[in-house]
């Protein structure tokens, strides 16, 4: 076999070999705060269980008094992003200092900007939520949702949607 033929075969094999998947891009305006070597405390929120890859995701962080987590207008930071068509969904939420925080995620599935029964939601700690909790606007215990941040904290959030008379993850949704 000539050197040229061997070189062409080696090149073809290299091109045909499966490539390692690229790491997921961190979404939102604060992505650098979650990058390796960043010196600011932050939460890297990994969102799973979307019913659809449409609309907008709103991620909010809360700090201070745990009894006020999720109270209207008390969030520290709000980031809105479109879900990517495929791949993991990670949003970086910087916080002012190490300590206890919470995260809420809302999936405005149709992008209307208004809450409706088709939308999904998730919280840090992934507490169980009932339809009655939603109707009566009951919040989970701070113990269930508090994330202790020391540097970079990874925060998994599984989305929940109303189906029938219950609220929970979508069985067929991607994890």
C-alpha atoms as a PDB file:
ATOM      1  CA  UNK A   1       0.000   0.000   0.000  1.00  0.00           C
ATOM      2  CA  UNK A   2       1.359   3.419  -0.870  1.00  0.00           C
ATOM      3  CA  UNK A   3       1.922   6.129   1.721  1.00  0.00           C
ATOM      4  CA  UNK A   4      -0.819   8.199   0.077  1.00  0.00           C
ATOM      5  CA  UNK A   5      -3.383   5.355   0.324  1.00  0.00           C
ATOM      6  CA  UNK A   6      -2.502   4.729   3.986  1.00  0.00           C
ATOM      7  CA  UNK A   7      -2.822   8.432   4.720  1.00  0.00           C
ATOM      8  CA  UNK A   8      -6.229   8.627   3.008  1.00  0.00           C
ATOM      9  CA  UNK A   9      -7.495   5.571   4.904  1.00  0.00           C
ATOM     10  CA  UNK A  10      -6.266   7.002   8.230  1.00  0.00           C
ATOM     11  CA  UNK A  11      -7.995  10.308   7.478  1.00  0.00           C
ATOM     12  CA  UNK A  12     -11.248   8.562   6.547  1.00  0.00           C
ATOM     13  CA  UNK A  13     -11.179   6.496   9.760  1.00  0.00           C
ATOM     14  CA  UNK A  14     -10.535   9.608  11.851  1.00  0.00           C
ATOM     15  CA  UNK A  15     -13.458  11.434  10.227  1.00  0.00           C
ATOM     16  CA  UNK A  16     -15.808   8.489  10.639  1.00  0.00           C
ATOM     17  CA  UNK A  17     -15.012   7.978  14.350  1.00  0.00           C
ATOM     18  CA  UNK A  18     -17.671   9.312  16.690  1.00  0.00           C
ATOM     19  CA  UNK A  19     -16.772  12.593  18.260  1.00  0.00           C
ATOM     20  CA  UNK A  20     -17.115  13.182  21.977  1.00  0.00           C
ATOM     21  CA  UNK A  21     -20.133  15.379  22.704  1.00  0.00           C
ATOM     22  CA  UNK A  22     -19.319  18.991  23.360  1.00  0.00           C
ATOM     23  CA  UNK A  23     -20.087  20.209  26.838  1.00  0.00           C
ATOM     24  CA  UNK A  24     -23.364  22.050  27.216  1.00  0.00           C
ATOM     25  CA  UNK A  25     -23.289  25.787  27.000  1.00  0.00           C
ATOM     26  CA  UNK A  26     -24.362  27.500  30.195  1.00  0.00           C
ATOM     27  CA  UNK A  27     -27.304  29.768  29.411  1.00  0.00           C
ATOM     28  CA  UNK A  28     -28.028  33.293  30.575  1.00  0.00           C
ATOM     29  CA  UNK A  29     -26.096  36.517  30.967  1.00  0.00           C
ATOM     30  CA  UNK A  30     -24.059  35.267  33.960  1.00  0.00           C
ATOM     31  CA  UNK A  31     -22.524  32.143  32.386  1.00  0.00           C
ATOM     32  CA  UNK A  32     -18.995  33.278  33.228  1.00  0.00           C
ATOM     33  CA  UNK A  33     -19.842  33.250  36.967  1.00  0.00           C
ATOM     34  CA  UNK A  34     -20.215  29.450  36.749  1.00  0.00           C
ATOM     35  CA  UNK A  35     -17.119  28.872  34.630  1.00  0.00           C
ATOM     36  CA  UNK A  36     -14.235  26.861  36.044  1.00  0.00           C
ATOM     37  CA  UNK A  37     -12.079  29.107  38.173  1.00  0.00           C
ATOM     38  CA  UNK A  38     -14.734  31.778  38.727  1.00  0.00           C
ATOM     39  CA  UNK A  39     -14.247  33.351  42.146  1.00  0.00           C
ATOM     40  CA  UNK A  40     -17.840  34.441  42.779  1.00  0.00           C
ATOM     41  CA  UNK A  41     -20.400  32.211  44.536  1.00  0.00           C
ATOM     42  CA  UNK A  42     -23.120  31.004  42.180  1.00  0.00           C
ATOM     43  CA  UNK A  43     -25.767  28.362  41.573  1.00  0.00           C
ATOM     44  CA  UNK A  44     -25.670  26.314  38.376  1.00  0.00           C
ATOM     45  CA  UNK A  45     -29.314  25.345  37.865  1.00  0.00           C
ATOM     46  CA  UNK A  46     -29.813  22.200  35.770  1.00  0.00           C
ATOM     47  CA  UNK A  47     -33.402  22.053  34.492  1.00  0.00           C
ATOM     48  CA  UNK A  48     -34.879  18.708  33.434  1.00  0.00           C
ATOM     49  CA  UNK A  49     -38.294  17.311  32.626  1.00  0.00           C
ATOM     50  CA  UNK A  50     -39.566  19.914  30.161  1.00  0.00           C
ATOM     51  CA  UNK A  51     -42.873  19.052  28.535  1.00  0.00           C
ATOM     52  CA  UNK A  52     -41.746  20.838  25.359  1.00  0.00           C
ATOM     53  CA  UNK A  53     -38.765  22.882  24.174  1.00  0.00           C
ATOM     54  CA  UNK A  54     -40.904  25.931  23.458  1.00  0.00           C
ATOM     55  CA  UNK A  55     -41.637  29.284  25.072  1.00  0.00           C
ATOM     56  CA  UNK A  56     -39.445  30.786  27.789  1.00  0.00           C
ATOM     57  CA  UNK A  57     -37.822  29.673  31.016  1.00  0.00           C
ATOM     58  CA  UNK A  58     -37.714  32.132  33.906  1.00  0.00           C
ATOM     59  CA  UNK A  59     -35.186  31.309  36.625  1.00  0.00           C
ATOM     60  CA  UNK A  60     -35.277  33.351  39.852  1.00  0.00           C
ATOM     61  CA  UNK A  61     -32.967  33.204  42.860  1.00  0.00           C
ATOM     62  CA  UNK A  62     -33.970  34.096  46.403  1.00  0.00           C
ATOM     63  CA  UNK A  63     -31.877  34.874  49.467  1.00  0.00           C
ATOM     64  CA  UNK A  64     -32.160  36.529  52.839  1.00  0.00           C
ATOM     65  CA  UNK A  65     -35.004  35.427  55.104  1.00  0.00           C
ATOM     66  CA  UNK A  66     -35.993  31.841  54.142  1.00  0.00           C
ATOM     67  CA  UNK A  67     -39.568  32.548  55.292  1.00  0.00           C
ATOM     68  CA  UNK A  68     -39.788  35.051  52.394  1.00  0.00           C
ATOM     69  CA  UNK A  69     -38.441  32.739  49.685  1.00  0.00           C
ATOM     70  CA  UNK A  70     -40.791  32.905  46.683  1.00  0.00           C
ATOM     71  CA  UNK A  71     -42.703  35.964  47.951  1.00  0.00           C
ATOM     72  CA  UNK A  72     -43.690  38.209  45.072  1.00  0.00           C
ATOM     73  CA  UNK A  73     -40.984  40.731  44.204  1.00  0.00           C
ATOM     74  CA  UNK A  74     -38.367  39.371  46.649  1.00  0.00           C
ATOM     75  CA  UNK A  75     -36.122  37.607  44.151  1.00  0.00           C
ATOM     76  CA  UNK A  76     -32.446  38.534  43.952  1.00  0.00           C
ATOM     77  CA  UNK A  77     -32.003  37.824  40.247  1.00  0.00           C
ATOM     78  CA  UNK A  78     -34.257  36.890  37.353  1.00  0.00           C
ATOM     79  CA  UNK A  79     -32.980  35.368  34.124  1.00  0.00           C
ATOM     80  CA  UNK A  80     -35.183  34.521  31.137  1.00  0.00           C
ATOM     81  CA  UNK A  81     -33.914  32.185  28.427  1.00  0.00           C
ATOM     82  CA  UNK A  82     -35.359  30.218  25.557  1.00  0.00           C
ATOM     83  CA  UNK A  83     -34.887  26.485  26.000  1.00  0.00           C
ATOM     84  CA  UNK A  84     -32.425  25.084  23.469  1.00  0.00           C
ATOM     85  CA  UNK A  85     -33.838  22.634  20.923  1.00  0.00           C
ATOM     86  CA  UNK A  86     -31.723  19.792  22.359  1.00  0.00           C
ATOM     87  CA  UNK A  87     -29.230  19.060  25.071  1.00  0.00           C
ATOM     88  CA  UNK A  88     -28.909  19.900  28.735  1.00  0.00           C
ATOM     89  CA  UNK A  89     -30.336  23.131  30.122  1.00  0.00           C
ATOM     90  CA  UNK A  90     -28.121  24.863  32.657  1.00  0.00           C
ATOM     91  CA  UNK A  91     -28.556  28.455  33.824  1.00  0.00           C
ATOM     92  CA  UNK A  92     -26.037  30.283  35.991  1.00  0.00           C
ATOM     93  CA  UNK A  93     -27.370  32.368  38.877  1.00  0.00           C
ATOM     94  CA  UNK A  94     -24.682  34.315  40.771  1.00  0.00           C
ATOM     95  CA  UNK A  95     -25.309  35.173  44.427  1.00  0.00           C
ATOM     96  CA  UNK A  96     -23.736  37.935  46.527  1.00  0.00           C
ATOM     97  CA  UNK A  97     -22.003  35.641  49.064  1.00  0.00           C
ATOM     98  CA  UNK A  98     -21.923  32.082  50.343  1.00  0.00           C
ATOM     99  CA  UNK A  99     -25.056  31.152  52.281  1.00  0.00           C
ATOM    100  CA  UNK A 100     -28.576  29.765  51.969  1.00  0.00           C
ATOM    101  CA  UNK A 101     -30.590  30.449  48.807  1.00  0.00           C
ATOM    102  CA  UNK A 102     -33.508  29.039  46.823  1.00  0.00           C
ATOM    103  CA  UNK A 103     -34.414  28.862  43.128  1.00  0.00           C
ATOM    104  CA  UNK A 104     -37.694  28.839  41.242  1.00  0.00           C
ATOM    105  CA  UNK A 105     -38.113  27.996  37.557  1.00  0.00           C
ATOM    106  CA  UNK A 106     -41.208  28.742  35.485  1.00  0.00           C
ATOM    107  CA  UNK A 107     -41.727  27.309  32.004  1.00  0.00           C
ATOM    108  CA  UNK A 108     -43.988  29.659  30.049  1.00  0.00           C
ATOM    109  CA  UNK A 109     -44.645  26.886  27.557  1.00  0.00           C
ATOM    110  CA  UNK A 110     -46.455  29.051  24.993  1.00  0.00           C
ATOM    111  CA  UNK A 111     -44.354  32.197  25.508  1.00  0.00           C
ATOM    112  CA  UNK A 112     -47.431  34.300  26.328  1.00  0.00           C
ATOM    113  CA  UNK A 113     -45.789  36.054  29.268  1.00  0.00           C
ATOM    114  CA  UNK A 114     -48.780  35.094  31.414  1.00  0.00           C
ATOM    115  CA  UNK A 115     -49.250  32.166  33.760  1.00  0.00           C
ATOM    116  CA  UNK A 116     -51.731  29.538  32.660  1.00  0.00           C
ATOM    117  CA  UNK A 117     -52.502  25.902  33.433  1.00  0.00           C
ATOM    118  CA  UNK A 118     -50.202  24.652  30.639  1.00  0.00           C
ATOM    119  CA  UNK A 119     -47.110  26.225  32.221  1.00  0.00           C
ATOM    120  CA  UNK A 120     -44.645  24.235  34.292  1.00  0.00           C
ATOM    121  CA  UNK A 121     -42.721  25.073  37.431  1.00  0.00           C
ATOM    122  CA  UNK A 122     -39.948  23.700  39.584  1.00  0.00           C
ATOM    123  CA  UNK A 123     -38.138  24.612  42.778  1.00  0.00           C
ATOM    124  CA  UNK A 124     -34.748  23.889  44.280  1.00  0.00           C
ATOM    125  CA  UNK A 125     -34.938  20.761  46.426  1.00  0.00           C
ATOM    126  CA  UNK A 126     -37.697  19.432  44.139  1.00  0.00           C
ATOM    127  CA  UNK A 127     -40.415  19.362  46.827  1.00  0.00           C
ATOM    128  CA  UNK A 128     -43.712  17.582  46.171  1.00  0.00           C
ATOM    129  CA  UNK A 129     -46.409  20.085  45.268  1.00  0.00           C
ATOM    130  CA  UNK A 130     -50.145  19.431  45.142  1.00  0.00           C
ATOM    131  CA  UNK A 131     -52.859  21.142  43.148  1.00  0.00           C
ATOM    132  CA  UNK A 132     -54.194  22.480  46.462  1.00  0.00           C
ATOM    133  CA  UNK A 133     -50.769  24.014  47.210  1.00  0.00           C
ATOM    134  CA  UNK A 134     -51.030  25.901  43.927  1.00  0.00           C
ATOM    135  CA  UNK A 135     -54.638  26.970  44.455  1.00  0.00           C
ATOM    136  CA  UNK A 136     -53.991  28.229  48.008  1.00  0.00           C
ATOM    137  CA  UNK A 137     -50.495  29.548  47.140  1.00  0.00           C
ATOM    138  CA  UNK A 138     -48.837  27.474  49.869  1.00  0.00           C
ATOM    139  CA  UNK A 139     -45.052  27.517  49.828  1.00  0.00           C
ATOM    140  CA  UNK A 140     -42.853  24.536  50.658  1.00  0.00           C
ATOM    141  CA  UNK A 141     -40.807  24.527  53.851  1.00  0.00           C
ATOM    142  CA  UNK A 142     -37.561  26.501  53.617  1.00  0.00           C
ATOM    143  CA  UNK A 143     -35.782  23.292  54.731  1.00  0.00           C
ATOM    144  CA  UNK A 144     -36.979  21.588  51.539  1.00  0.00           C
ATOM    145  CA  UNK A 145     -35.814  24.271  49.122  1.00  0.00           C
ATOM    146  CA  UNK A 146     -32.718  25.870  50.663  1.00  0.00           C
ATOM    147  CA  UNK A 147     -29.475  25.400  48.766  1.00  0.00           C
ATOM    148  CA  UNK A 148     -26.270  25.963  50.710  1.00  0.00           C
ATOM    149  CA  UNK A 149     -23.887  27.800  48.414  1.00  0.00           C
ATOM    150  CA  UNK A 150     -20.150  27.518  49.063  1.00  0.00           C
ATOM    151  CA  UNK A 151     -18.472  28.575  45.831  1.00  0.00           C
ATOM    152  CA  UNK A 152     -20.372  26.877  42.993  1.00  0.00           C
ATOM    153  CA  UNK A 153     -23.503  24.921  43.955  1.00  0.00           C
ATOM    154  CA  UNK A 154     -25.151  22.587  41.450  1.00  0.00           C
ATOM    155  CA  UNK A 155     -28.943  22.778  41.724  1.00  0.00           C
ATOM    156  CA  UNK A 156     -31.055  20.151  39.926  1.00  0.00           C
ATOM    157  CA  UNK A 157     -34.643  21.262  39.219  1.00  0.00           C
ATOM    158  CA  UNK A 158     -37.230  18.841  37.816  1.00  0.00           C
ATOM    159  CA  UNK A 159     -40.155  20.587  36.144  1.00  0.00           C
ATOM    160  CA  UNK A 160     -43.756  19.873  37.202  1.00  0.00           C
ATOM    161  CA  UNK A 161     -46.938  20.364  35.200  1.00  0.00           C
ATOM    162  CA  UNK A 162     -50.642  20.088  35.978  1.00  0.00           C
ATOM    163  CA  UNK A 163     -52.163  16.926  34.547  1.00  0.00           C
ATOM    164  CA  UNK A 164     -55.733  16.148  35.456  1.00  0.00           C
ATOM    165  CA  UNK A 165     -56.176  16.847  39.157  1.00  0.00           C
ATOM    166  CA  UNK A 166     -52.534  16.417  40.093  1.00  0.00           C
ATOM    167  CA  UNK A 167     -49.210  18.173  39.706  1.00  0.00           C
ATOM    168  CA  UNK A 168     -45.933  16.430  38.987  1.00  0.00           C
ATOM    169  CA  UNK A 169     -43.204  15.612  36.507  1.00  0.00           C
ATOM    170  CA  UNK A 170     -44.176  14.463  33.041  1.00  0.00           C
ATOM    171  CA  UNK A 171     -43.489  10.717  32.869  1.00  0.00           C
ATOM    172  CA  UNK A 172     -42.290  10.870  29.260  1.00  0.00           C
ATOM    173  CA  UNK A 173     -40.244  14.039  29.667  1.00  0.00           C
ATOM    174  CA  UNK A 174     -36.504  13.913  29.150  1.00  0.00           C
ATOM    175  CA  UNK A 175     -34.414  13.854  32.290  1.00  0.00           C
END
